[in-house]
Protein backbone atom coordinates (compact mmCIF):
# COMPACT_ATOMS: atom_id res chain seq x y z
CA MET A 1 -3.54 -0.82 -30.64
CA ASP A 2 -7.11 -1.84 -29.98
CA ILE A 3 -10.03 0.59 -30.14
CA ALA A 4 -10.38 0.96 -26.35
CA GLU A 5 -6.70 1.84 -25.95
CA GLN A 6 -6.86 4.27 -28.89
CA ASN A 7 -9.89 5.94 -27.29
CA LYS A 8 -7.97 6.38 -24.03
CA TYR A 9 -5.08 8.08 -25.84
CA ASP A 10 -7.51 10.23 -27.84
CA THR A 11 -9.18 11.33 -24.59
CA MET A 12 -5.82 12.18 -22.99
CA PHE A 13 -4.73 14.20 -26.05
CA SER A 14 -8.10 15.95 -26.08
CA THR A 15 -7.60 16.93 -22.43
CA LEU A 16 -4.09 18.21 -23.15
CA SER A 17 -5.40 20.47 -25.92
CA THR A 18 -7.82 22.37 -23.65
CA GLU A 19 -7.36 25.93 -22.43
CA GLY A 20 -7.41 24.66 -18.84
CA TRP A 21 -4.47 22.34 -19.46
CA GLY A 22 -2.60 25.24 -21.07
CA ILE A 23 -3.11 27.28 -17.89
CA ILE A 24 -1.94 24.39 -15.72
CA LYS A 25 1.11 23.82 -17.93
CA ASP A 26 2.04 27.51 -17.69
CA ARG A 27 1.79 27.27 -13.89
CA LEU A 28 3.94 24.12 -13.88
CA LEU A 29 6.55 25.93 -15.95
CA GLU A 30 6.55 28.82 -13.45
CA MET A 31 6.97 26.37 -10.57
CA TYR A 32 9.78 24.58 -12.40
CA THR A 33 11.61 27.85 -13.02
CA GLN A 34 11.20 28.96 -9.40
CA GLN A 35 12.44 25.66 -7.97
CA ASN A 36 15.28 25.15 -10.43
CA ASN A 37 17.81 27.14 -8.40
CA VAL A 38 20.71 25.06 -7.11
CA LEU A 39 22.13 27.95 -5.09
CA SER A 40 19.08 28.04 -2.81
CA ILE A 41 19.49 24.41 -1.70
CA PRO A 42 20.91 24.35 1.85
CA ASP A 43 21.71 20.64 2.26
CA GLU A 44 21.76 17.23 0.59
CA LYS A 45 18.34 16.15 1.87
CA ILE A 46 16.69 19.23 0.38
CA PHE A 47 18.69 18.69 -2.82
CA TRP A 48 17.18 15.22 -3.33
CA GLN A 49 13.70 16.49 -2.49
CA GLN A 50 14.10 19.30 -5.02
CA ARG A 51 15.40 16.88 -7.62
CA GLY A 52 12.33 14.66 -7.15
CA SER A 53 10.02 17.66 -7.36
CA LEU A 54 11.72 18.95 -10.49
CA SER A 55 11.57 15.51 -12.10
CA MET A 56 7.83 15.28 -11.49
CA LEU A 57 7.24 18.83 -12.75
CA HIS A 58 9.29 18.08 -15.86
CA PHE A 59 7.27 14.91 -16.49
CA MET A 60 3.99 16.80 -16.17
CA ILE A 61 5.18 19.59 -18.46
CA GLU A 62 6.28 17.04 -21.08
CA ILE A 63 3.35 14.61 -20.68
CA GLU A 64 2.02 15.27 -24.18
CA GLN A 65 5.37 14.34 -25.73
CA VAL A 66 5.59 11.27 -23.47
CA LEU A 67 2.16 10.11 -24.67
CA GLN A 68 3.06 10.78 -28.31
CA ASN A 69 6.21 8.69 -27.89
CA GLU A 70 4.15 5.85 -26.36
CA VAL A 71 1.73 5.87 -29.30
CA THR A 72 4.61 5.91 -31.78
CA GLN A 73 6.28 3.01 -29.99
CA ILE A 74 3.07 0.96 -29.88
CA ASN A 75 2.39 1.61 -33.57
CA SER A 76 5.97 0.74 -34.44
CA GLN A 77 5.81 -2.53 -32.50
CA GLU A 78 2.53 -3.44 -34.15
CA GLY A 79 4.05 -2.68 -37.56
CA GLU A 80 7.01 -4.95 -36.79
CA GLU A 81 4.65 -7.71 -35.65
CA GLU A 82 2.66 -7.41 -38.88
CA ASP A 83 5.87 -7.48 -40.95
CA SER A 84 7.12 -10.62 -39.19
CA SER A 85 3.76 -12.37 -39.60
CA ASP A 86 3.88 -11.67 -43.35
CA ASP A 87 7.10 -13.70 -43.66
């Protein structure tokens, strides 16, 4: 990972560690809990809309883990490339 890309990830992780992000994440969790009620869905169209909404909320709640997985994957790929170039 080059320096510019590392700086971008560092900035994103820095943002995710702020008090403001913690407040937003708590609100997203509340929204997820409120919307995650299958019994309140009246028809198929609303079901698919709810599913899309829940998927997006889940992604936002888990964004830190998603970013950590990306960094791990990038570092792993770079390690494999270095190993293969040593051969």
